[in-house]
Amino acid sequence: MSAGSASGKSFSAANAGMTVEECENMIQGSLRTPTVKFLREHLEKSGCGIVPNFIRAVNCSQRMSGGYSRGEGIVVCSNHLTIQDEVTQVVIHELIHAYDDCRAANLDWTNCAHHACSEIRAGHLSGDCHYKRELLRGFVKIRGHEQDCVRRRVMKSLACNPYCSQAAAKDAMEAVWDTCYNDTKPFDRAP
């Protein structure tokens, strides 16, 4: 998810996840992983340094894992996550949104095509749609699972954008798919 805001209000099933403090510790662990270090380095090189508290844990009232908002940074929804791997995945996904926001001077999160492009890139480049993750979600498909997963998750994210109807979201995703799916910057190729 991106460009959304996660409120500090508790989710009714807050006990299902972890505490904010536990999540903060896991965020610190994520910051030491090679992919997160790589993305942070490329944000710096693009002129967008990460200030302290740019990535923070919060309890989210919406059913989401995290989000990125321009000027606000990244939130990781502690009450919807349970393990280090989930926290790291959210941090990587949202850092890709931050990178896109930094490198594209005219990125407009209210524009369905812009939002779709960043979601396509984040889904494809973050590992969100790795075969093992899809299996754990109950999606079993031998071929084409990664692109199906990215498409499904893009549509889920765009459904939260009040500026994108379902039809507009689908049209936008299809219009930008090839360009955005094949754009692997700052990576040389999809990890």
N, C-alpha and C. Protein backbone atom coordinates (compact mmCIF):
# COMPACT_ATOMS: atom_id res chain seq x y z
N MET A 1 0.85 -1.16 0.00
CA MET A 1 0.00 0.00 0.00
C MET A 1 0.89 1.23 0.00
N SER A 2 0.37 2.27 -0.53
CA SER A 2 1.17 3.48 -0.52
C SER A 2 0.28 4.67 -0.38
N ALA A 3 0.89 5.77 -0.11
CA ALA A 3 0.24 7.06 -0.09
C ALA A 3 -0.97 7.10 0.80
N GLY A 4 -1.23 6.03 1.51
CA GLY A 4 -2.35 6.05 2.44
C GLY A 4 -1.84 6.50 3.78
N SER A 5 -2.75 6.73 4.68
CA SER A 5 -2.29 7.10 6.00
C SER A 5 -2.76 6.03 6.97
N ALA A 6 -1.94 5.71 7.90
CA ALA A 6 -2.30 4.75 8.93
C ALA A 6 -2.46 5.52 10.23
N SER A 7 -3.62 5.42 10.80
CA SER A 7 -3.86 6.19 12.02
C SER A 7 -3.21 5.49 13.21
N GLY A 8 -3.07 6.20 14.27
CA GLY A 8 -2.51 5.64 15.48
C GLY A 8 -3.54 4.92 16.32
N LYS A 9 -4.78 4.83 15.89
CA LYS A 9 -5.82 4.16 16.66
C LYS A 9 -5.62 2.66 16.60
N SER A 10 -5.94 2.00 17.68
CA SER A 10 -5.79 0.56 17.75
C SER A 10 -6.83 -0.15 16.91
N PHE A 11 -6.42 -1.25 16.33
CA PHE A 11 -7.29 -2.14 15.59
C PHE A 11 -7.95 -3.05 16.63
N SER A 12 -9.18 -3.46 16.42
CA SER A 12 -9.89 -4.24 17.42
C SER A 12 -9.21 -5.57 17.73
N ALA A 13 -8.50 -6.13 16.78
CA ALA A 13 -7.80 -7.39 17.00
C ALA A 13 -6.31 -7.12 17.20
N ALA A 14 -5.99 -6.09 17.98
CA ALA A 14 -4.60 -5.68 18.17
C ALA A 14 -3.74 -6.81 18.71
N ASN A 15 -4.33 -7.73 19.46
CA ASN A 15 -3.56 -8.83 20.02
C ASN A 15 -3.09 -9.82 18.96
N ALA A 16 -3.64 -9.73 17.76
CA ALA A 16 -3.26 -10.65 16.69
C ALA A 16 -1.85 -10.38 16.19
N GLY A 17 -1.36 -9.19 16.36
CA GLY A 17 -0.03 -8.85 15.87
C GLY A 17 0.95 -8.71 17.01
N MET A 18 1.82 -7.73 16.87
CA MET A 18 2.83 -7.48 17.90
C MET A 18 2.67 -6.07 18.44
N THR A 19 3.41 -5.78 19.49
CA THR A 19 3.36 -4.44 20.06
C THR A 19 4.18 -3.49 19.18
N VAL A 20 3.95 -2.21 19.36
CA VAL A 20 4.71 -1.21 18.63
C VAL A 20 6.20 -1.36 18.96
N GLU A 21 6.51 -1.62 20.22
CA GLU A 21 7.90 -1.76 20.63
C GLU A 21 8.56 -2.96 19.96
N GLU A 22 7.87 -4.09 19.91
CA GLU A 22 8.41 -5.27 19.24
C GLU A 22 8.65 -4.98 17.76
N CYS A 23 7.70 -4.28 17.15
CA CYS A 23 7.82 -3.95 15.74
C CYS A 23 8.98 -2.99 15.50
N GLU A 24 9.14 -2.01 16.38
CA GLU A 24 10.28 -1.07 16.26
C GLU A 24 11.60 -1.84 16.27
N ASN A 25 11.71 -2.85 17.13
CA ASN A 25 12.92 -3.68 17.18
C ASN A 25 13.11 -4.44 15.88
N MET A 26 12.01 -4.93 15.31
CA MET A 26 12.11 -5.65 14.04
C MET A 26 12.45 -4.71 12.88
N ILE A 27 11.96 -3.47 12.94
CA ILE A 27 12.34 -2.49 11.92
C ILE A 27 13.86 -2.28 11.97
N GLN A 28 14.41 -2.19 13.17
CA GLN A 28 15.86 -2.03 13.31
C GLN A 28 16.58 -3.22 12.69
N GLY A 29 16.03 -4.43 12.87
CA GLY A 29 16.60 -5.61 12.22
C GLY A 29 16.52 -5.52 10.71
N SER A 30 15.40 -5.00 10.20
CA SER A 30 15.23 -4.84 8.75
C SER A 30 16.26 -3.89 8.17
N LEU A 31 16.60 -2.85 8.92
CA LEU A 31 17.55 -1.86 8.43
C LEU A 31 18.94 -2.45 8.19
N ARG A 32 19.20 -3.62 8.78
CA ARG A 32 20.50 -4.27 8.61
C ARG A 32 20.52 -5.26 7.45
N THR A 33 19.39 -5.48 6.78
CA THR A 33 19.35 -6.45 5.67
C THR A 33 19.93 -5.82 4.41
N PRO A 34 20.55 -6.64 3.54
CA PRO A 34 21.18 -6.10 2.33
C PRO A 34 20.22 -5.32 1.42
N THR A 35 19.02 -5.79 1.21
CA THR A 35 18.09 -5.11 0.30
C THR A 35 17.68 -3.76 0.86
N VAL A 36 17.39 -3.70 2.15
CA VAL A 36 17.02 -2.42 2.76
C VAL A 36 18.19 -1.45 2.73
N LYS A 37 19.38 -1.93 3.03
CA LYS A 37 20.58 -1.07 2.96
C LYS A 37 20.76 -0.52 1.54
N PHE A 38 20.58 -1.40 0.54
CA PHE A 38 20.71 -1.01 -0.87
C PHE A 38 19.70 0.08 -1.21
N LEU A 39 18.45 -0.10 -0.84
CA LEU A 39 17.41 0.89 -1.16
C LEU A 39 17.66 2.22 -0.44
N ARG A 40 18.06 2.15 0.81
CA ARG A 40 18.36 3.39 1.54
C ARG A 40 19.52 4.14 0.89
N GLU A 41 20.54 3.40 0.46
CA GLU A 41 21.70 4.01 -0.22
C GLU A 41 21.25 4.71 -1.50
N HIS A 42 20.36 4.08 -2.26
CA HIS A 42 19.91 4.67 -3.51
C HIS A 42 18.95 5.84 -3.29
N LEU A 43 18.23 5.83 -2.20
CA LEU A 43 17.42 7.01 -1.85
C LEU A 43 18.35 8.18 -1.57
N GLU A 44 19.42 7.93 -0.82
CA GLU A 44 20.42 8.97 -0.52
C GLU A 44 21.03 9.51 -1.82
N LYS A 45 21.44 8.60 -2.71
CA LYS A 45 22.05 8.99 -3.99
C LYS A 45 21.08 9.81 -4.85
N SER A 46 19.79 9.57 -4.67
CA SER A 46 18.78 10.31 -5.44
C SER A 46 18.42 11.64 -4.78
N GLY A 47 19.08 11.94 -3.68
CA GLY A 47 18.83 13.21 -3.01
C GLY A 47 17.74 13.16 -1.96
N CYS A 48 17.32 11.97 -1.58
CA CYS A 48 16.26 11.84 -0.59
C CYS A 48 16.77 11.05 0.60
N GLY A 49 17.41 11.75 1.48
CA GLY A 49 17.92 11.10 2.67
C GLY A 49 16.79 10.67 3.59
N ILE A 50 17.08 9.70 4.41
CA ILE A 50 16.09 9.20 5.36
C ILE A 50 16.41 9.78 6.72
N VAL A 51 15.49 10.55 7.23
CA VAL A 51 15.65 11.17 8.54
C VAL A 51 15.29 10.16 9.63
N PRO A 52 15.77 10.39 10.86
CA PRO A 52 15.36 9.50 11.95
C PRO A 52 13.82 9.46 12.02
N ASN A 53 13.29 8.33 12.35
CA ASN A 53 11.85 8.13 12.48
C ASN A 53 11.12 8.15 11.13
N PHE A 54 11.85 8.05 10.01
CA PHE A 54 11.24 7.98 8.68
C PHE A 54 10.42 6.70 8.57
N ILE A 55 10.93 5.63 9.19
CA ILE A 55 10.22 4.35 9.23
C ILE A 55 9.85 4.11 10.68
N ARG A 56 8.54 4.00 10.94
CA ARG A 56 8.12 3.83 12.33
C ARG A 56 6.97 2.83 12.43
N ALA A 57 6.87 2.22 13.59
CA ALA A 57 5.81 1.26 13.88
C ALA A 57 4.63 2.00 14.49
N VAL A 58 3.43 1.61 14.09
CA VAL A 58 2.19 2.16 14.66
C VAL A 58 1.14 1.05 14.69
N ASN A 59 0.10 1.26 15.50
CA ASN A 59 -1.08 0.41 15.43
C ASN A 59 -1.99 1.03 14.39
N CYS A 60 -2.45 0.23 13.45
CA CYS A 60 -3.27 0.73 12.34
C CYS A 60 -4.72 0.31 12.52
N SER A 61 -5.62 1.24 12.26
CA SER A 61 -7.04 0.92 12.34
C SER A 61 -7.52 0.21 11.08
N GLN A 62 -6.87 0.47 9.94
CA GLN A 62 -7.23 -0.21 8.70
C GLN A 62 -6.50 -1.53 8.61
N ARG A 63 -7.08 -2.45 7.87
CA ARG A 63 -6.45 -3.77 7.67
C ARG A 63 -5.39 -3.61 6.57
N MET A 64 -4.18 -3.27 6.99
CA MET A 64 -3.06 -3.08 6.07
C MET A 64 -1.77 -3.39 6.80
N SER A 65 -0.71 -3.63 6.04
CA SER A 65 0.58 -3.96 6.63
C SER A 65 1.45 -2.74 6.87
N GLY A 66 1.24 -1.73 6.04
CA GLY A 66 2.04 -0.52 6.16
C GLY A 66 1.66 0.45 5.08
N GLY A 67 2.37 1.55 5.04
CA GLY A 67 2.09 2.55 4.02
C GLY A 67 3.19 3.58 3.94
N TYR A 68 3.21 4.27 2.82
CA TYR A 68 4.15 5.37 2.60
C TYR A 68 3.34 6.60 2.27
N SER A 69 3.69 7.72 2.87
CA SER A 69 3.08 9.02 2.55
C SER A 69 4.18 10.05 2.38
N ARG A 70 4.09 10.80 1.29
CA ARG A 70 5.06 11.86 1.03
C ARG A 70 5.06 12.83 2.21
N GLY A 71 6.23 13.14 2.68
CA GLY A 71 6.37 14.07 3.79
C GLY A 71 6.16 13.45 5.15
N GLU A 72 5.60 12.26 5.19
CA GLU A 72 5.34 11.58 6.46
C GLU A 72 6.28 10.40 6.68
N GLY A 73 6.67 9.74 5.59
CA GLY A 73 7.54 8.58 5.70
C GLY A 73 6.76 7.27 5.62
N ILE A 74 7.31 6.26 6.26
CA ILE A 74 6.78 4.90 6.19
C ILE A 74 6.24 4.50 7.55
N VAL A 75 5.05 3.92 7.55
CA VAL A 75 4.53 3.31 8.76
C VAL A 75 4.45 1.80 8.53
N VAL A 76 4.75 1.07 9.59
CA VAL A 76 4.65 -0.38 9.60
C VAL A 76 3.60 -0.71 10.64
N CYS A 77 2.56 -1.42 10.25
CA CYS A 77 1.43 -1.70 11.12
C CYS A 77 1.72 -2.89 12.03
N SER A 78 2.19 -2.59 13.23
CA SER A 78 2.61 -3.63 14.17
C SER A 78 1.50 -4.61 14.51
N ASN A 79 0.27 -4.13 14.62
CA ASN A 79 -0.84 -4.99 15.03
C ASN A 79 -1.33 -5.93 13.93
N HIS A 80 -0.74 -5.84 12.73
CA HIS A 80 -1.12 -6.75 11.64
C HIS A 80 0.03 -7.65 11.21
N LEU A 81 1.15 -7.58 11.92
CA LEU A 81 2.33 -8.36 11.56
C LEU A 81 2.77 -9.19 12.76
N THR A 82 3.43 -10.31 12.47
CA THR A 82 3.82 -11.18 13.59
C THR A 82 5.29 -11.59 13.58
N ILE A 83 5.95 -11.55 12.41
CA ILE A 83 7.33 -12.04 12.35
C ILE A 83 8.25 -11.06 11.62
N GLN A 84 9.54 -11.24 11.82
CA GLN A 84 10.56 -10.37 11.22
C GLN A 84 10.44 -10.30 9.70
N ASP A 85 10.23 -11.44 9.06
CA ASP A 85 10.15 -11.47 7.60
C ASP A 85 9.03 -10.56 7.08
N GLU A 86 7.90 -10.55 7.76
CA GLU A 86 6.79 -9.68 7.33
C GLU A 86 7.18 -8.22 7.45
N VAL A 87 7.80 -7.86 8.55
CA VAL A 87 8.22 -6.47 8.77
C VAL A 87 9.22 -6.06 7.69
N THR A 88 10.20 -6.90 7.41
CA THR A 88 11.20 -6.60 6.40
C THR A 88 10.55 -6.42 5.04
N GLN A 89 9.59 -7.28 4.68
CA GLN A 89 8.90 -7.16 3.40
C GLN A 89 8.16 -5.83 3.29
N VAL A 90 7.49 -5.42 4.35
CA VAL A 90 6.78 -4.14 4.33
C VAL A 90 7.77 -3.00 4.14
N VAL A 91 8.88 -3.03 4.87
CA VAL A 91 9.88 -1.97 4.77
C VAL A 91 10.42 -1.89 3.34
N ILE A 92 10.73 -3.03 2.74
CA ILE A 92 11.25 -3.04 1.36
C ILE A 92 10.21 -2.48 0.40
N HIS A 93 8.99 -2.98 0.50
CA HIS A 93 7.90 -2.53 -0.39
C HIS A 93 7.72 -1.01 -0.31
N GLU A 94 7.64 -0.50 0.91
CA GLU A 94 7.40 0.93 1.09
C GLU A 94 8.62 1.77 0.71
N LEU A 95 9.82 1.24 0.88
CA LEU A 95 11.02 1.97 0.43
C LEU A 95 11.03 2.11 -1.10
N ILE A 96 10.48 1.15 -1.81
CA ILE A 96 10.39 1.27 -3.27
C ILE A 96 9.43 2.41 -3.62
N HIS A 97 8.34 2.55 -2.88
CA HIS A 97 7.44 3.70 -3.09
C HIS A 97 8.18 5.01 -2.81
N ALA A 98 8.93 5.04 -1.72
CA ALA A 98 9.69 6.25 -1.38
C ALA A 98 10.70 6.58 -2.47
N TYR A 99 11.35 5.56 -3.01
CA TYR A 99 12.31 5.75 -4.09
C TYR A 99 11.61 6.31 -5.33
N ASP A 100 10.47 5.73 -5.68
CA ASP A 100 9.71 6.22 -6.83
C ASP A 100 9.30 7.68 -6.63
N ASP A 101 8.84 7.99 -5.43
CA ASP A 101 8.42 9.36 -5.12
C ASP A 101 9.60 10.32 -5.24
N CYS A 102 10.77 9.87 -4.85
CA CYS A 102 11.98 10.71 -4.89
C CYS A 102 12.44 10.95 -6.33
N ARG A 103 12.47 9.90 -7.12
CA ARG A 103 13.05 10.02 -8.47
C ARG A 103 12.10 10.63 -9.50
N ALA A 104 10.80 10.58 -9.25
CA ALA A 104 9.83 11.12 -10.20
C ALA A 104 9.29 12.45 -9.66
N ALA A 105 9.80 13.53 -10.19
CA ALA A 105 9.43 14.86 -9.68
C ALA A 105 7.93 15.14 -9.78
N ASN A 106 7.27 14.50 -10.73
CA ASN A 106 5.85 14.80 -10.94
C ASN A 106 4.92 13.67 -10.50
N LEU A 107 5.40 12.75 -9.65
CA LEU A 107 4.55 11.65 -9.22
C LEU A 107 3.35 12.20 -8.46
N ASP A 108 2.16 11.79 -8.88
CA ASP A 108 0.92 12.25 -8.28
C ASP A 108 0.15 11.02 -7.78
N TRP A 109 0.11 10.82 -6.47
CA TRP A 109 -0.53 9.64 -5.89
C TRP A 109 -2.03 9.61 -6.13
N THR A 110 -2.63 10.74 -6.52
CA THR A 110 -4.06 10.75 -6.84
C THR A 110 -4.31 10.30 -8.27
N ASN A 111 -3.25 10.21 -9.08
CA ASN A 111 -3.35 9.74 -10.46
C ASN A 111 -3.25 8.21 -10.44
N CYS A 112 -4.30 7.53 -10.90
CA CYS A 112 -4.35 6.06 -10.85
C CYS A 112 -3.18 5.42 -11.56
N ALA A 113 -2.76 5.96 -12.69
CA ALA A 113 -1.65 5.37 -13.45
C ALA A 113 -0.34 5.50 -12.67
N HIS A 114 -0.11 6.65 -12.05
CA HIS A 114 1.11 6.85 -11.26
C HIS A 114 1.13 5.88 -10.07
N HIS A 115 0.01 5.82 -9.36
CA HIS A 115 -0.09 4.94 -8.20
C HIS A 115 0.09 3.49 -8.64
N ALA A 116 -0.58 3.10 -9.73
CA ALA A 116 -0.48 1.72 -10.24
C ALA A 116 0.96 1.38 -10.58
N CYS A 117 1.66 2.29 -11.21
CA CYS A 117 3.05 2.04 -11.61
C CYS A 117 3.92 1.76 -10.39
N SER A 118 3.81 2.57 -9.37
CA SER A 118 4.62 2.35 -8.19
C SER A 118 4.23 1.05 -7.49
N GLU A 119 2.95 0.71 -7.48
CA GLU A 119 2.52 -0.56 -6.88
C GLU A 119 3.03 -1.76 -7.69
N ILE A 120 3.02 -1.65 -9.01
CA ILE A 120 3.55 -2.72 -9.86
C ILE A 120 5.02 -2.93 -9.52
N ARG A 121 5.77 -1.84 -9.48
CA ARG A 121 7.20 -1.93 -9.19
C ARG A 121 7.45 -2.49 -7.79
N ALA A 122 6.72 -2.00 -6.82
CA ALA A 122 6.92 -2.47 -5.44
C ALA A 122 6.56 -3.94 -5.29
N GLY A 123 5.47 -4.36 -5.92
CA GLY A 123 5.09 -5.76 -5.86
C GLY A 123 6.09 -6.67 -6.54
N HIS A 124 6.59 -6.22 -7.67
CA HIS A 124 7.53 -7.02 -8.46
C HIS A 124 8.93 -7.04 -7.84
N LEU A 125 9.39 -5.92 -7.33
CA LEU A 125 10.78 -5.81 -6.88
C LEU A 125 11.00 -6.16 -5.41
N SER A 126 9.94 -6.18 -4.63
CA SER A 126 10.11 -6.39 -3.18
C SER A 126 10.14 -7.84 -2.76
N GLY A 127 9.69 -8.73 -3.63
CA GLY A 127 9.59 -10.14 -3.23
C GLY A 127 8.24 -10.48 -2.63
N ASP A 128 7.32 -9.51 -2.61
CA ASP A 128 5.97 -9.74 -2.08
C ASP A 128 5.32 -10.95 -2.72
N CYS A 129 5.62 -11.18 -3.98
CA CYS A 129 4.93 -12.22 -4.74
C CYS A 129 5.78 -13.45 -5.01
N HIS A 130 6.78 -13.65 -4.17
CA HIS A 130 7.59 -14.86 -4.28
C HIS A 130 6.68 -16.07 -4.14
N TYR A 131 7.02 -17.13 -4.85
CA TYR A 131 6.20 -18.35 -4.88
C TYR A 131 5.85 -18.85 -3.47
N LYS A 132 6.82 -18.87 -2.55
CA LYS A 132 6.58 -19.36 -1.19
C LYS A 132 5.57 -18.49 -0.45
N ARG A 133 5.65 -17.17 -0.65
CA ARG A 133 4.68 -16.27 0.00
C ARG A 133 3.28 -16.52 -0.53
N GLU A 134 3.18 -16.73 -1.83
CA GLU A 134 1.89 -16.99 -2.44
C GLU A 134 1.29 -18.30 -1.93
N LEU A 135 2.12 -19.31 -1.77
CA LEU A 135 1.66 -20.58 -1.23
C LEU A 135 1.08 -20.39 0.17
N LEU A 136 1.79 -19.62 1.00
CA LEU A 136 1.32 -19.36 2.36
C LEU A 136 0.00 -18.59 2.38
N ARG A 137 -0.25 -17.81 1.34
CA ARG A 137 -1.52 -17.08 1.23
C ARG A 137 -2.63 -17.95 0.66
N GLY A 138 -2.27 -19.15 0.23
CA GLY A 138 -3.27 -20.05 -0.32
C GLY A 138 -3.44 -19.96 -1.82
N PHE A 139 -2.52 -19.30 -2.50
CA PHE A 139 -2.58 -19.19 -3.95
C PHE A 139 -1.57 -20.17 -4.54
N VAL A 140 -2.08 -21.18 -5.22
CA VAL A 140 -1.22 -22.21 -5.78
C VAL A 140 -1.35 -22.19 -7.30
N LYS A 141 -0.28 -21.83 -7.94
CA LYS A 141 -0.25 -21.81 -9.40
C LYS A 141 1.19 -22.04 -9.81
N ILE A 142 1.39 -22.94 -10.74
CA ILE A 142 2.76 -23.28 -11.13
C ILE A 142 3.38 -22.20 -12.00
N ARG A 143 2.65 -21.74 -13.00
CA ARG A 143 3.21 -20.73 -13.90
C ARG A 143 2.42 -19.43 -13.83
N GLY A 144 3.15 -18.35 -13.95
CA GLY A 144 2.51 -17.04 -13.99
C GLY A 144 2.02 -16.53 -12.65
N HIS A 145 2.42 -17.20 -11.56
CA HIS A 145 1.93 -16.78 -10.25
C HIS A 145 2.40 -15.38 -9.87
N GLU A 146 3.63 -15.05 -10.25
CA GLU A 146 4.19 -13.76 -9.81
C GLU A 146 3.42 -12.60 -10.43
N GLN A 147 3.18 -12.62 -11.72
CA GLN A 147 2.45 -11.52 -12.36
C GLN A 147 0.99 -11.48 -11.88
N ASP A 148 0.37 -12.65 -11.69
CA ASP A 148 -1.00 -12.67 -11.16
C ASP A 148 -1.04 -12.05 -9.78
N CYS A 149 -0.07 -12.39 -8.96
CA CYS A 149 0.01 -11.83 -7.60
C CYS A 149 0.19 -10.32 -7.64
N VAL A 150 1.12 -9.85 -8.46
CA VAL A 150 1.35 -8.40 -8.56
C VAL A 150 0.06 -7.70 -8.98
N ARG A 151 -0.61 -8.22 -9.99
CA ARG A 151 -1.87 -7.62 -10.46
C ARG A 151 -2.92 -7.59 -9.35
N ARG A 152 -3.06 -8.70 -8.64
CA ARG A 152 -4.05 -8.78 -7.56
C ARG A 152 -3.73 -7.76 -6.47
N ARG A 153 -2.47 -7.65 -6.11
CA ARG A 153 -2.09 -6.75 -5.03
C ARG A 153 -2.14 -5.27 -5.46
N VAL A 154 -1.87 -5.00 -6.73
CA VAL A 154 -2.02 -3.64 -7.25
C VAL A 154 -3.49 -3.22 -7.14
N MET A 155 -4.38 -4.09 -7.57
CA MET A 155 -5.81 -3.77 -7.52
C MET A 155 -6.29 -3.58 -6.08
N LYS A 156 -5.76 -4.38 -5.16
CA LYS A 156 -6.12 -4.24 -3.75
C LYS A 156 -5.69 -2.88 -3.21
N SER A 157 -4.48 -2.47 -3.58
CA SER A 157 -3.98 -1.18 -3.12
C SER A 157 -4.75 -0.02 -3.76
N LEU A 158 -4.99 -0.10 -5.06
CA LEU A 158 -5.71 0.97 -5.74
C LEU A 158 -7.15 1.10 -5.25
N ALA A 159 -7.71 0.01 -4.74
CA ALA A 159 -9.06 0.07 -4.18
C ALA A 159 -9.13 1.01 -2.98
N CYS A 160 -7.99 1.25 -2.34
CA CYS A 160 -7.93 2.16 -1.19
C CYS A 160 -7.72 3.61 -1.61
N ASN A 161 -7.48 3.84 -2.89
CA ASN A 161 -7.26 5.20 -3.39
C ASN A 161 -8.61 5.79 -3.78
N PRO A 162 -9.07 6.81 -3.06
CA PRO A 162 -10.40 7.37 -3.34
C PRO A 162 -10.51 8.01 -4.73
N TYR A 163 -9.40 8.21 -5.40
CA TYR A 163 -9.41 8.82 -6.74
C TYR A 163 -9.50 7.78 -7.85
N CYS A 164 -9.51 6.49 -7.49
CA CYS A 164 -9.51 5.43 -8.50
C CYS A 164 -10.71 4.51 -8.33
N SER A 165 -11.62 4.55 -9.28
CA SER A 165 -12.70 3.57 -9.28
C SER A 165 -12.10 2.23 -9.68
N GLN A 166 -12.83 1.14 -9.53
CA GLN A 166 -12.29 -0.17 -9.90
C GLN A 166 -11.96 -0.21 -11.39
N ALA A 167 -12.85 0.35 -12.21
CA ALA A 167 -12.60 0.35 -13.66
C ALA A 167 -11.39 1.20 -14.01
N ALA A 168 -11.28 2.38 -13.40
CA ALA A 168 -10.14 3.27 -13.66
C ALA A 168 -8.84 2.61 -13.20
N ALA A 169 -8.90 1.92 -12.06
CA ALA A 169 -7.71 1.24 -11.53
C ALA A 169 -7.24 0.14 -12.49
N LYS A 170 -8.16 -0.65 -12.96
CA LYS A 170 -7.80 -1.74 -13.88
C LYS A 170 -7.25 -1.18 -15.19
N ASP A 171 -7.90 -0.16 -15.73
CA ASP A 171 -7.42 0.46 -16.97
C ASP A 171 -6.02 1.05 -16.78
N ALA A 172 -5.83 1.74 -15.66
CA ALA A 172 -4.53 2.36 -15.38
C ALA A 172 -3.44 1.30 -15.26
N MET A 173 -3.74 0.23 -14.52
CA MET A 173 -2.76 -0.84 -14.34
C MET A 173 -2.37 -1.45 -15.69
N GLU A 174 -3.35 -1.73 -16.51
CA GLU A 174 -3.07 -2.34 -17.82
C GLU A 174 -2.28 -1.38 -18.72
N ALA A 175 -2.60 -0.09 -18.65
CA ALA A 175 -1.93 0.89 -19.50
C ALA A 175 -0.44 1.02 -19.18
N VAL A 176 -0.07 0.88 -17.90
CA VAL A 176 1.32 1.10 -17.50
C VAL A 176 2.08 -0.20 -17.23
N TRP A 177 1.40 -1.32 -17.34
CA TRP A 177 1.98 -2.60 -16.91
C TRP A 177 3.37 -2.86 -17.50
N ASP A 178 3.50 -2.91 -18.81
CA ASP A 178 4.77 -3.29 -19.43
C ASP A 178 5.91 -2.37 -19.02
N THR A 179 5.67 -1.08 -19.10
CA THR A 179 6.72 -0.11 -18.75
C THR A 179 7.13 -0.26 -17.28
N CYS A 180 6.17 -0.33 -16.40
CA CYS A 180 6.47 -0.32 -14.97
C CYS A 180 6.98 -1.66 -14.48
N TYR A 181 6.45 -2.74 -15.01
CA TYR A 181 6.91 -4.08 -14.61
C TYR A 181 8.37 -4.29 -15.03
N ASN A 182 8.75 -3.72 -16.16
CA ASN A 182 10.11 -3.89 -16.66
C ASN A 182 11.10 -2.85 -16.12
N ASP A 183 10.61 -1.87 -15.38
CA ASP A 183 11.47 -0.86 -14.77
C ASP A 183 11.96 -1.40 -13.43
N THR A 184 13.21 -1.79 -13.38
CA THR A 184 13.75 -2.41 -12.17
C THR A 184 14.65 -1.49 -11.35
N LYS A 185 14.73 -0.22 -11.71
CA LYS A 185 15.59 0.70 -10.97
C LYS A 185 15.17 0.77 -9.50
N PRO A 186 16.08 0.83 -8.57
CA PRO A 186 17.52 0.98 -8.69
C PRO A 186 18.27 -0.35 -8.88
N PHE A 187 17.53 -1.46 -8.95
CA PHE A 187 18.16 -2.76 -9.16
C PHE A 187 18.54 -2.92 -10.63
N ASP A 188 19.55 -3.73 -10.90
CA ASP A 188 19.93 -4.04 -12.29
C ASP A 188 18.87 -4.93 -12.93
N ARG A 189 18.31 -5.80 -12.11
CA ARG A 189 17.23 -6.69 -12.56
C ARG A 189 16.37 -6.98 -11.33
N ALA A 190 15.21 -7.57 -11.55
CA ALA A 190 14.33 -7.88 -10.42
C ALA A 190 15.03 -8.85 -9.48
N PRO A 191 15.06 -8.50 -8.20
CA PRO A 191 15.74 -9.38 -7.22
C PRO A 191 15.06 -10.74 -7.11
